[in-house]
């Protein structure tokens, strides 16, 4: 764990604050209310992306404790010991020896590593530089970097059994998030469709539930996904899809480009202010 990551105690305090100030409803219910024109007042839906093990180990018990529903968008290709490419970068920089590390990046080819902050910044710059590369080229570069440090953790994501347990909770909904979390806009349409459909089929087979909600990897409209990918999600059987564009859901929202927002502050009053700002700046 890195020093900047939120803790279980912080997440519990956040839930307490949200429960006091909002009606927390599932994303599916929010969509239904929006369709019927009945979404109003201080309501809020929680979502988690990717399928990390801490979603099951840390978040789920607290969601159940406070009766808070949430939607978990899972990339099926990393379940059971997989590791996302960006986590391979982070874990590699965590383990590299102090000193200068040279990489093939546009504009910055070397990083001086000494403490966690220098490693965090180096990882962030590398992720940003490689994010939109063709998947095969990106993975080749990630593998070369990871090869400098040896074994990386294989327990960052949920196992299939954890996913099944999570999906059986009355507080949870599982949604699709592709198989390997590619930037859909970087793929030919046939490959993008295979990712969307394949991830949906994997999860439905494992948890024996029909998936109705989808999250675009990375999720920026026009950069990471385009209208064609909304059509692919619709054709795959999803009835709605979320992006990472900041905004709020209402009756006029395109249900295949639902906005979300992520206040990053660990300071809870600042967190609350960001939620309020996002809501009132957009209505």
C-alpha atoms as a PDB file:
ATOM      1  CA  UNK A   1       0.000   0.000   0.000  1.00  0.00           C
ATOM      2  CA  UNK A   2       1.221   3.525  -0.741  1.00  0.00           C
ATOM      3  CA  UNK A   3       0.992   6.375   1.793  1.00  0.00           C
ATOM      4  CA  UNK A   4      -1.481   8.302  -0.367  1.00  0.00           C
ATOM      5  CA  UNK A   5      -4.033   5.503  -0.647  1.00  0.00           C
ATOM      6  CA  UNK A   6      -7.216   5.724   1.443  1.00  0.00           C
ATOM      7  CA  UNK A   7      -7.499   3.360   4.382  1.00  0.00           C
ATOM      8  CA  UNK A   8     -10.419   1.275   5.610  1.00  0.00           C
ATOM      9  CA  UNK A   9     -10.904   3.745   8.469  1.00  0.00           C
ATOM     10  CA  UNK A  10     -11.074   6.636   6.011  1.00  0.00           C
ATOM     11  CA  UNK A  11     -13.573   4.793   3.833  1.00  0.00           C
ATOM     12  CA  UNK A  12     -15.755   4.071   6.846  1.00  0.00           C
ATOM     13  CA  UNK A  13     -15.742   7.733   7.833  1.00  0.00           C
ATOM     14  CA  UNK A  14     -16.617   8.637   4.253  1.00  0.00           C
ATOM     15  CA  UNK A  15     -19.582   6.242   4.271  1.00  0.00           C
ATOM     16  CA  UNK A  16     -20.821   7.709   7.539  1.00  0.00           C
ATOM     17  CA  UNK A  17     -20.690  11.208   6.027  1.00  0.00           C
ATOM     18  CA  UNK A  18     -22.447  10.125   2.831  1.00  0.00           C
ATOM     19  CA  UNK A  19     -25.187   8.237   4.693  1.00  0.00           C
ATOM     20  CA  UNK A  20     -25.880  11.324   6.821  1.00  0.00           C
ATOM     21  CA  UNK A  21     -26.151  13.669   3.857  1.00  0.00           C
ATOM     22  CA  UNK A  22     -27.413  11.664   0.886  1.00  0.00           C
ATOM     23  CA  UNK A  23     -29.919   9.082  -0.139  1.00  0.00           C
ATOM     24  CA  UNK A  24     -27.572   6.434  -1.501  1.00  0.00           C
ATOM     25  CA  UNK A  25     -29.234   4.327  -4.174  1.00  0.00           C
ATOM     26  CA  UNK A  26     -27.962   1.756  -6.623  1.00  0.00           C
ATOM     27  CA  UNK A  27     -26.907   2.933 -10.058  1.00  0.00           C
ATOM     28  CA  UNK A  28     -29.646   0.770 -11.560  1.00  0.00           C
ATOM     29  CA  UNK A  29     -32.267   2.525  -9.440  1.00  0.00           C
ATOM     30  CA  UNK A  30     -30.817   5.925 -10.316  1.00  0.00           C
ATOM     31  CA  UNK A  31     -31.151   5.074 -14.006  1.00  0.00           C
ATOM     32  CA  UNK A  32     -34.762   3.967 -13.557  1.00  0.00           C
ATOM     33  CA  UNK A  33     -35.634   7.137 -11.660  1.00  0.00           C
ATOM     34  CA  UNK A  34     -33.961   9.255 -14.338  1.00  0.00           C
ATOM     35  CA  UNK A  35     -35.947   7.485 -17.065  1.00  0.00           C
ATOM     36  CA  UNK A  36     -39.161   8.205 -15.189  1.00  0.00           C
ATOM     37  CA  UNK A  37     -38.222  11.805 -14.409  1.00  0.00           C
ATOM     38  CA  UNK A  38     -38.176  11.063 -10.688  1.00  0.00           C
ATOM     39  CA  UNK A  39     -34.499  11.541  -9.867  1.00  0.00           C
ATOM     40  CA  UNK A  40     -34.307  14.482  -7.469  1.00  0.00           C
ATOM     41  CA  UNK A  41     -32.892  15.586  -4.161  1.00  0.00           C
ATOM     42  CA  UNK A  42     -29.495  14.711  -2.671  1.00  0.00           C
ATOM     43  CA  UNK A  43     -29.192  11.194  -4.082  1.00  0.00           C
ATOM     44  CA  UNK A  44     -25.925   9.469  -4.892  1.00  0.00           C
ATOM     45  CA  UNK A  45     -24.686   6.155  -6.340  1.00  0.00           C
ATOM     46  CA  UNK A  46     -21.321   4.536  -5.639  1.00  0.00           C
ATOM     47  CA  UNK A  47     -19.246   2.686  -8.245  1.00  0.00           C
ATOM     48  CA  UNK A  48     -15.928   0.829  -8.172  1.00  0.00           C
ATOM     49  CA  UNK A  49     -13.874   0.000 -11.253  1.00  0.00           C
ATOM     50  CA  UNK A  50     -11.594  -2.847 -12.334  1.00  0.00           C
ATOM     51  CA  UNK A  51     -12.134  -5.628  -9.771  1.00  0.00           C
ATOM     52  CA  UNK A  52      -9.487  -5.096  -7.106  1.00  0.00           C
ATOM     53  CA  UNK A  53      -9.321  -7.529  -4.202  1.00  0.00           C
ATOM     54  CA  UNK A  54      -9.761  -4.706  -1.691  1.00  0.00           C
ATOM     55  CA  UNK A  55     -13.234  -4.126  -3.135  1.00  0.00           C
ATOM     56  CA  UNK A  56     -14.158  -7.483  -1.606  1.00  0.00           C
ATOM     57  CA  UNK A  57     -11.867  -7.517   1.420  1.00  0.00           C
ATOM     58  CA  UNK A  58     -12.253  -3.907   2.589  1.00  0.00           C
ATOM     59  CA  UNK A  59     -15.111  -2.114   0.870  1.00  0.00           C
ATOM     60  CA  UNK A  60     -17.801  -4.807   0.850  1.00  0.00           C
ATOM     61  CA  UNK A  61     -17.912  -5.424   4.636  1.00  0.00           C
ATOM     62  CA  UNK A  62     -18.307  -1.692   5.236  1.00  0.00           C
ATOM     63  CA  UNK A  63     -20.949  -1.298   2.542  1.00  0.00           C
ATOM     64  CA  UNK A  64     -22.897  -4.126   4.182  1.00  0.00           C
ATOM     65  CA  UNK A  65     -22.385  -2.647   7.650  1.00  0.00           C
ATOM     66  CA  UNK A  66     -23.977   0.656   6.608  1.00  0.00           C
ATOM     67  CA  UNK A  67     -26.481  -0.777   4.121  1.00  0.00           C
ATOM     68  CA  UNK A  68     -24.959   1.102   1.193  1.00  0.00           C
ATOM     69  CA  UNK A  69     -25.437  -0.262  -2.349  1.00  0.00           C
ATOM     70  CA  UNK A  70     -22.644  -0.088  -4.913  1.00  0.00           C
ATOM     71  CA  UNK A  71     -21.861  -1.189  -8.459  1.00  0.00           C
ATOM     72  CA  UNK A  72     -18.589  -2.975  -9.237  1.00  0.00           C
ATOM     73  CA  UNK A  73     -17.341  -2.810 -12.828  1.00  0.00           C
ATOM     74  CA  UNK A  74     -14.978  -5.751 -13.313  1.00  0.00           C
ATOM     75  CA  UNK A  75     -12.413  -6.401 -16.057  1.00  0.00           C
ATOM     76  CA  UNK A  76     -12.683 -10.171 -16.304  1.00  0.00           C
ATOM     77  CA  UNK A  77      -9.223 -10.857 -17.714  1.00  0.00           C
ATOM     78  CA  UNK A  78      -7.467 -10.030 -14.439  1.00  0.00           C
ATOM     79  CA  UNK A  79      -9.542 -12.207 -12.111  1.00  0.00           C
ATOM     80  CA  UNK A  80      -7.651 -15.076 -10.436  1.00  0.00           C
ATOM     81  CA  UNK A  81      -4.136 -13.670 -10.226  1.00  0.00           C
ATOM     82  CA  UNK A  82      -4.039 -11.242 -13.129  1.00  0.00           C
ATOM     83  CA  UNK A  83      -2.520  -7.792 -12.873  1.00  0.00           C
ATOM     84  CA  UNK A  84      -3.466  -4.661 -14.783  1.00  0.00           C
ATOM     85  CA  UNK A  85      -0.704  -3.073 -16.863  1.00  0.00           C
ATOM     86  CA  UNK A  86      -0.731   0.146 -14.850  1.00  0.00           C
ATOM     87  CA  UNK A  87      -0.350  -1.815 -11.611  1.00  0.00           C
ATOM     88  CA  UNK A  88       2.643  -3.597 -13.108  1.00  0.00           C
ATOM     89  CA  UNK A  89       4.211  -0.167 -13.635  1.00  0.00           C
ATOM     90  CA  UNK A  90       3.401   1.006 -10.114  1.00  0.00           C
ATOM     91  CA  UNK A  91       4.659  -2.199  -8.504  1.00  0.00           C
ATOM     92  CA  UNK A  92       7.823  -2.125 -10.623  1.00  0.00           C
ATOM     93  CA  UNK A  93       8.679   1.409  -9.540  1.00  0.00           C
ATOM     94  CA  UNK A  94       7.905   0.440  -5.944  1.00  0.00           C
ATOM     95  CA  UNK A  95      10.584  -2.265  -6.130  1.00  0.00           C
ATOM     96  CA  UNK A  96      13.286  -0.681  -8.283  1.00  0.00           C
ATOM     97  CA  UNK A  97      16.505   0.237  -6.507  1.00  0.00           C
ATOM     98  CA  UNK A  98      17.241   3.857  -5.662  1.00  0.00           C
ATOM     99  CA  UNK A  99      19.012   5.690  -8.443  1.00  0.00           C
ATOM    100  CA  UNK A 100      18.359   6.659 -12.052  1.00  0.00           C
ATOM    101  CA  UNK A 101      15.961   4.645 -14.209  1.00  0.00           C
ATOM    102  CA  UNK A 102      15.912   5.165 -17.959  1.00  0.00           C
ATOM    103  CA  UNK A 103      12.780   4.537 -20.031  1.00  0.00           C
ATOM    104  CA  UNK A 104      11.549   5.195 -23.557  1.00  0.00           C
ATOM    105  CA  UNK A 105       9.197   8.085 -22.875  1.00  0.00           C
ATOM    106  CA  UNK A 106       8.466  11.127 -24.997  1.00  0.00           C
ATOM    107  CA  UNK A 107       9.973  14.171 -23.297  1.00  0.00           C
ATOM    108  CA  UNK A 108      11.412  12.399 -20.251  1.00  0.00           C
ATOM    109  CA  UNK A 109      13.701   9.424 -20.503  1.00  0.00           C
ATOM    110  CA  UNK A 110      15.093   9.167 -16.969  1.00  0.00           C
ATOM    111  CA  UNK A 111      13.776   9.263 -13.409  1.00  0.00           C
ATOM    112  CA  UNK A 112      15.730   9.657 -10.187  1.00  0.00           C
ATOM    113  CA  UNK A 113      14.209   7.312  -7.610  1.00  0.00           C
ATOM    114  CA  UNK A 114      14.773   7.821  -3.892  1.00  0.00           C
ATOM    115  CA  UNK A 115      11.506   7.878  -1.924  1.00  0.00           C
ATOM    116  CA  UNK A 116       7.853   7.035  -2.442  1.00  0.00           C
ATOM    117  CA  UNK A 117       6.986  10.457  -3.901  1.00  0.00           C
ATOM    118  CA  UNK A 118       9.653  10.142  -6.606  1.00  0.00           C
ATOM    119  CA  UNK A 119       8.460   6.623  -7.423  1.00  0.00           C
ATOM    120  CA  UNK A 120       4.808   7.693  -7.510  1.00  0.00           C
ATOM    121  CA  UNK A 121       5.558  10.556  -9.897  1.00  0.00           C
ATOM    122  CA  UNK A 122       7.678   8.319 -12.141  1.00  0.00           C
ATOM    123  CA  UNK A 123       4.914   5.716 -12.294  1.00  0.00           C
ATOM    124  CA  UNK A 124       2.282   8.349 -13.070  1.00  0.00           C
ATOM    125  CA  UNK A 125       4.377   9.807 -15.897  1.00  0.00           C
ATOM    126  CA  UNK A 126       5.017   6.367 -17.369  1.00  0.00           C
ATOM    127  CA  UNK A 127       1.348   5.380 -17.203  1.00  0.00           C
ATOM    128  CA  UNK A 128       0.332   8.623 -18.923  1.00  0.00           C
ATOM    129  CA  UNK A 129       2.945   8.162 -21.655  1.00  0.00           C
ATOM    130  CA  UNK A 130       2.037   4.540 -22.419  1.00  0.00           C
ATOM    131  CA  UNK A 131      -1.725   4.559 -21.827  1.00  0.00           C
ATOM    132  CA  UNK A 132      -2.796   5.113 -25.430  1.00  0.00           C
ATOM    133  CA  UNK A 133      -0.180   2.965 -27.132  1.00  0.00           C
ATOM    134  CA  UNK A 134      -1.420  -0.041 -29.106  1.00  0.00           C
ATOM    135  CA  UNK A 135      -2.075  -2.750 -26.497  1.00  0.00           C
ATOM    136  CA  UNK A 136       0.637  -5.127 -27.723  1.00  0.00           C
ATOM    137  CA  UNK A 137       3.302  -2.420 -27.750  1.00  0.00           C
ATOM    138  CA  UNK A 138       2.213  -1.143 -24.358  1.00  0.00           C
ATOM    139  CA  UNK A 139       2.361  -4.606 -22.819  1.00  0.00           C
ATOM    140  CA  UNK A 140       5.798  -5.214 -24.326  1.00  0.00           C
ATOM    141  CA  UNK A 141       7.128  -2.083 -22.647  1.00  0.00           C
ATOM    142  CA  UNK A 142       5.430  -2.970 -19.363  1.00  0.00           C
ATOM    143  CA  UNK A 143       6.926  -6.472 -19.464  1.00  0.00           C
ATOM    144  CA  UNK A 144      10.413  -5.076 -20.073  1.00  0.00           C
ATOM    145  CA  UNK A 145      10.091  -2.745 -17.078  1.00  0.00           C
ATOM    146  CA  UNK A 146       8.670  -5.498 -14.851  1.00  0.00           C
ATOM    147  CA  UNK A 147      11.531  -7.775 -15.881  1.00  0.00           C
ATOM    148  CA  UNK A 148      13.961  -5.451 -14.153  1.00  0.00           C
ATOM    149  CA  UNK A 149      12.579  -6.322 -10.714  1.00  0.00           C
ATOM    150  CA  UNK A 150      11.458  -9.953 -10.934  1.00  0.00           C
ATOM    151  CA  UNK A 151       8.245 -11.211  -9.373  1.00  0.00           C
ATOM    152  CA  UNK A 152       5.340  -8.797  -8.933  1.00  0.00           C
ATOM    153  CA  UNK A 153       2.283  -9.400  -6.706  1.00  0.00           C
ATOM    154  CA  UNK A 154      -0.436 -11.668  -8.066  1.00  0.00           C
ATOM    155  CA  UNK A 155      -3.109 -10.929  -5.470  1.00  0.00           C
ATOM    156  CA  UNK A 156      -4.143  -7.388  -6.367  1.00  0.00           C
ATOM    157  CA  UNK A 157      -7.379  -8.414  -8.088  1.00  0.00           C
ATOM    158  CA  UNK A 158     -10.297 -10.513  -6.876  1.00  0.00           C
ATOM    159  CA  UNK A 159     -10.382 -14.257  -7.257  1.00  0.00           C
ATOM    160  CA  UNK A 160     -13.339 -15.911  -8.923  1.00  0.00           C
ATOM    161  CA  UNK A 161     -14.619 -17.093  -5.537  1.00  0.00           C
ATOM    162  CA  UNK A 162     -14.379 -13.573  -4.121  1.00  0.00           C
ATOM    163  CA  UNK A 163     -16.250 -12.236  -7.131  1.00  0.00           C
ATOM    164  CA  UNK A 164     -19.018 -14.794  -6.635  1.00  0.00           C
ATOM    165  CA  UNK A 165     -19.307 -13.892  -2.950  1.00  0.00           C
ATOM    166  CA  UNK A 166     -19.363 -10.198  -3.750  1.00  0.00           C
ATOM    167  CA  UNK A 167     -22.069 -10.673  -6.383  1.00  0.00           C
ATOM    168  CA  UNK A 168     -24.262 -12.568  -3.912  1.00  0.00           C
ATOM    169  CA  UNK A 169     -24.462  -9.625  -1.503  1.00  0.00           C
ATOM    170  CA  UNK A 170     -27.726  -7.657  -1.548  1.00  0.00           C
ATOM    171  CA  UNK A 171     -25.642  -4.481  -1.543  1.00  0.00           C
ATOM    172  CA  UNK A 172     -23.888  -5.111  -4.848  1.00  0.00           C
ATOM    173  CA  UNK A 173     -24.351  -5.045  -8.594  1.00  0.00           C
ATOM    174  CA  UNK A 174     -21.643  -6.334 -10.939  1.00  0.00           C
ATOM    175  CA  UNK A 175     -21.106  -4.616 -14.278  1.00  0.00           C
ATOM    176  CA  UNK A 176     -18.927  -5.213 -17.307  1.00  0.00           C
ATOM    177  CA  UNK A 177     -15.608  -3.467 -17.917  1.00  0.00           C
ATOM    178  CA  UNK A 178     -14.159  -5.463 -20.872  1.00  0.00           C
ATOM    179  CA  UNK A 179     -11.715  -8.351 -20.522  1.00  0.00           C
ATOM    180  CA  UNK A 180      -8.303  -6.652 -20.559  1.00  0.00           C
ATOM    181  CA  UNK A 181      -9.217  -2.988 -19.960  1.00  0.00           C
ATOM    182  CA  UNK A 182      -7.998  -1.643 -23.319  1.00  0.00           C
ATOM    183  CA  UNK A 183      -8.566   1.891 -24.534  1.00  0.00           C
ATOM    184  CA  UNK A 184     -11.445   1.012 -26.835  1.00  0.00           C
ATOM    185  CA  UNK A 185     -10.755   3.909 -29.197  1.00  0.00           C
ATOM    186  CA  UNK A 186      -7.314   2.430 -29.894  1.00  0.00           C
ATOM    187  CA  UNK A 187      -8.762  -0.870 -31.161  1.00  0.00           C
ATOM    188  CA  UNK A 188     -10.374  -1.929 -34.425  1.00  0.00           C
ATOM    189  CA  UNK A 189     -14.125  -2.164 -33.939  1.00  0.00           C
ATOM    190  CA  UNK A 190     -14.113  -5.968 -34.086  1.00  0.00           C
ATOM    191  CA  UNK A 191     -11.535  -6.184 -31.287  1.00  0.00           C
ATOM    192  CA  UNK A 192     -13.403  -3.622 -29.208  1.00  0.00           C
ATOM    193  CA  UNK A 193     -16.587  -5.654 -29.615  1.00  0.00           C
ATOM    194  CA  UNK A 194     -14.776  -8.847 -28.599  1.00  0.00           C
ATOM    195  CA  UNK A 195     -13.517  -7.137 -25.446  1.00  0.00           C
ATOM    196  CA  UNK A 196     -16.962  -5.841 -24.487  1.00  0.00           C
ATOM    197  CA  UNK A 197     -18.844  -9.037 -25.284  1.00  0.00           C
ATOM    198  CA  UNK A 198     -16.151 -11.356 -23.928  1.00  0.00           C
ATOM    199  CA  UNK A 199     -15.954  -9.587 -20.590  1.00  0.00           C
ATOM    200  CA  UNK A 200     -19.729  -9.735 -20.242  1.00  0.00           C
ATOM    201  CA  UNK A 201     -19.861 -13.449 -21.039  1.00  0.00           C
ATOM    202  CA  UNK A 202     -17.032 -14.270 -18.624  1.00  0.00           C
ATOM    203  CA  UNK A 203     -18.677 -12.544 -15.697  1.00  0.00           C
ATOM    204  CA  UNK A 204     -22.156 -13.855 -16.428  1.00  0.00           C
ATOM    205  CA  UNK A 205     -20.782 -17.383 -16.582  1.00  0.00           C
ATOM    206  CA  UNK A 206     -18.935 -17.011 -13.279  1.00  0.00           C
ATOM    207  CA  UNK A 207     -21.616 -15.295 -11.186  1.00  0.00           C
ATOM    208  CA  UNK A 208     -24.699 -16.667 -12.984  1.00  0.00           C
ATOM    209  CA  UNK A 209     -26.277 -13.236 -13.262  1.00  0.00           C
ATOM    210  CA  UNK A 210     -27.129 -11.136 -16.290  1.00  0.00           C
ATOM    211  CA  UNK A 211     -25.061  -7.973 -16.557  1.00  0.00           C
ATOM    212  CA  UNK A 212     -26.910  -4.810 -17.559  1.00  0.00           C
ATOM    213  CA  UNK A 213     -24.384  -2.053 -16.807  1.00  0.00           C
ATOM    214  CA  UNK A 214     -21.024  -1.285 -18.440  1.00  0.00           C
ATOM    215  CA  UNK A 215     -18.112   1.072 -17.751  1.00  0.00           C
ATOM    216  CA  UNK A 216     -15.773   2.214 -20.530  1.00  0.00           C
ATOM    217  CA  UNK A 217     -12.089   1.663 -19.603  1.00  0.00           C
ATOM    218  CA  UNK A 218     -10.505   5.000 -18.716  1.00  0.00           C
ATOM    219  CA  UNK A 219     -13.810   6.465 -19.821  1.00  0.00           C
ATOM    220  CA  UNK A 220     -13.123   9.851 -21.425  1.00  0.00           C
ATOM    221  CA  UNK A 221     -15.643  10.559 -24.222  1.00  0.00           C
ATOM    222  CA  UNK A 222     -13.958  11.234 -27.541  1.00  0.00           C
ATOM    223  CA  UNK A 223     -10.551  10.120 -26.278  1.00  0.00           C
ATOM    224  CA  UNK A 224     -11.079   6.650 -24.818  1.00  0.00           C
ATOM    225  CA  UNK A 225     -14.416   5.733 -26.386  1.00  0.00           C
ATOM    226  CA  UNK A 226     -16.600   7.005 -29.212  1.00  0.00           C
ATOM    227  CA  UNK A 227     -20.254   6.643 -30.229  1.00  0.00           C
ATOM    228  CA  UNK A 228     -19.427   3.382 -32.007  1.00  0.00           C
ATOM    229  CA  UNK A 229     -18.458   1.867 -28.648  1.00  0.00           C
ATOM    230  CA  UNK A 230     -21.772   2.930 -27.160  1.00  0.00           C
ATOM    231  CA  UNK A 231     -23.440   1.085 -30.029  1.00  0.00           C
ATOM    232  CA  UNK A 232     -21.277  -1.969 -29.308  1.00  0.00           C
ATOM    233  CA  UNK A 233     -22.235  -1.894 -25.629  1.00  0.00           C
ATOM    234  CA  UNK A 234     -25.904  -1.637 -26.564  1.00  0.00           C
ATOM    235  CA  UNK A 235     -25.583  -4.516 -29.040  1.00  0.00           C
ATOM    236  CA  UNK A 236     -23.876  -6.631 -26.369  1.00  0.00           C
ATOM    237  CA  UNK A 237     -26.978  -6.339 -24.191  1.00  0.00           C
ATOM    238  CA  UNK A 238     -25.973  -3.605 -21.778  1.00  0.00           C
ATOM    239  CA  UNK A 239     -28.797  -1.177 -21.040  1.00  0.00           C
ATOM    240  CA  UNK A 240     -26.567   1.662 -19.833  1.00  0.00           C
ATOM    241  CA  UNK A 241     -22.888   2.622 -19.676  1.00  0.00           C
ATOM    242  CA  UNK A 242     -20.852   5.036 -17.578  1.00  0.00           C
ATOM    243  CA  UNK A 243     -17.950   7.279 -18.517  1.00  0.00           C
ATOM    244  CA  UNK A 244     -15.465   9.265 -16.431  1.00  0.00           C
ATOM    245  CA  UNK A 245     -16.638  12.644 -17.697  1.00  0.00           C
ATOM    246  CA  UNK A 246     -17.554  14.731 -14.667  1.00  0.00           C
ATOM    247  CA  UNK A 247     -21.246  15.359 -14.306  1.00  0.00           C
ATOM    248  CA  UNK A 248     -24.549  14.230 -12.848  1.00  0.00           C
ATOM    249  CA  UNK A 249     -27.359  12.021 -14.109  1.00  0.00           C
ATOM    250  CA  UNK A 250     -30.755  13.448 -15.012  1.00  0.00           C
ATOM    251  CA  UNK A 251     -33.652  12.654 -17.334  1.00  0.00           C
ATOM    252  CA  UNK A 252     -31.814  14.143 -20.348  1.00  0.00           C
ATOM    253  CA  UNK A 253     -28.612  12.126 -19.881  1.00  0.00           C
ATOM    254  CA  UNK A 254     -27.508   9.764 -22.642  1.00  0.00           C
ATOM    255  CA  UNK A 255     -27.727   6.411 -20.858  1.00  0.00           C
ATOM    256  CA  UNK A 256     -24.705   5.141 -22.806  1.00  0.00           C
ATOM    257  CA  UNK A 257     -22.549   8.064 -21.670  1.00  0.00           C
ATOM    258  CA  UNK A 258     -23.543   8.537 -18.018  1.00  0.00           C
ATOM    259  CA  UNK A 259     -21.093  10.903 -16.310  1.00  0.00           C
ATOM    260  CA  UNK A 260     -19.414  10.234 -12.977  1.00  0.00           C
ATOM    261  CA  UNK A 261     -17.117  12.198 -10.734  1.00  0.00           C
ATOM    262  CA  UNK A 262     -14.387  11.287  -8.299  1.00  0.00           C
ATOM    263  CA  UNK A 263     -13.471  13.729  -5.543  1.00  0.00           C
ATOM    264  CA  UNK A 264      -9.900  12.703  -4.661  1.00  0.00           C
ATOM    265  CA  UNK A 265      -9.427  14.581  -1.386  1.00  0.00           C
ATOM    266  CA  UNK A 266      -8.714  12.476   1.669  1.00  0.00           C
ATOM    267  CA  UNK A 267      -9.873  15.445   3.732  1.00  0.00           C
ATOM    268  CA  UNK A 268     -13.577  14.685   4.178  1.00  0.00           C
ATOM    269  CA  UNK A 269     -14.836  18.306   4.287  1.00  0.00           C
ATOM    270  CA  UNK A 270     -12.992  18.967   0.996  1.00  0.00           C
ATOM    271  CA  UNK A 271     -14.452  15.759  -0.389  1.00  0.00           C
ATOM    272  CA  UNK A 272     -17.964  17.000   0.470  1.00  0.00           C
ATOM    273  CA  UNK A 273     -17.255  20.393  -1.068  1.00  0.00           C
ATOM    274  CA  UNK A 274     -16.151  18.777  -4.317  1.00  0.00           C
ATOM    275  CA  UNK A 275     -19.360  16.735  -4.462  1.00  0.00           C
ATOM    276  CA  UNK A 276     -21.414  19.894  -3.945  1.00  0.00           C
ATOM    277  CA  UNK A 277     -19.382  21.834  -6.518  1.00  0.00           C
ATOM    278  CA  UNK A 278     -19.812  19.149  -9.149  1.00  0.00           C
ATOM    279  CA  UNK A 279     -23.565  19.034  -8.574  1.00  0.00           C
ATOM    280  CA  UNK A 280     -24.253  22.744  -8.472  1.00  0.00           C
ATOM    281  CA  UNK A 281     -21.829  23.694 -11.247  1.00  0.00           C
ATOM    282  CA  UNK A 282     -23.709  21.368 -13.593  1.00  0.00           C
ATOM    283  CA  UNK A 283     -27.356  22.133 -12.858  1.00  0.00           C
END
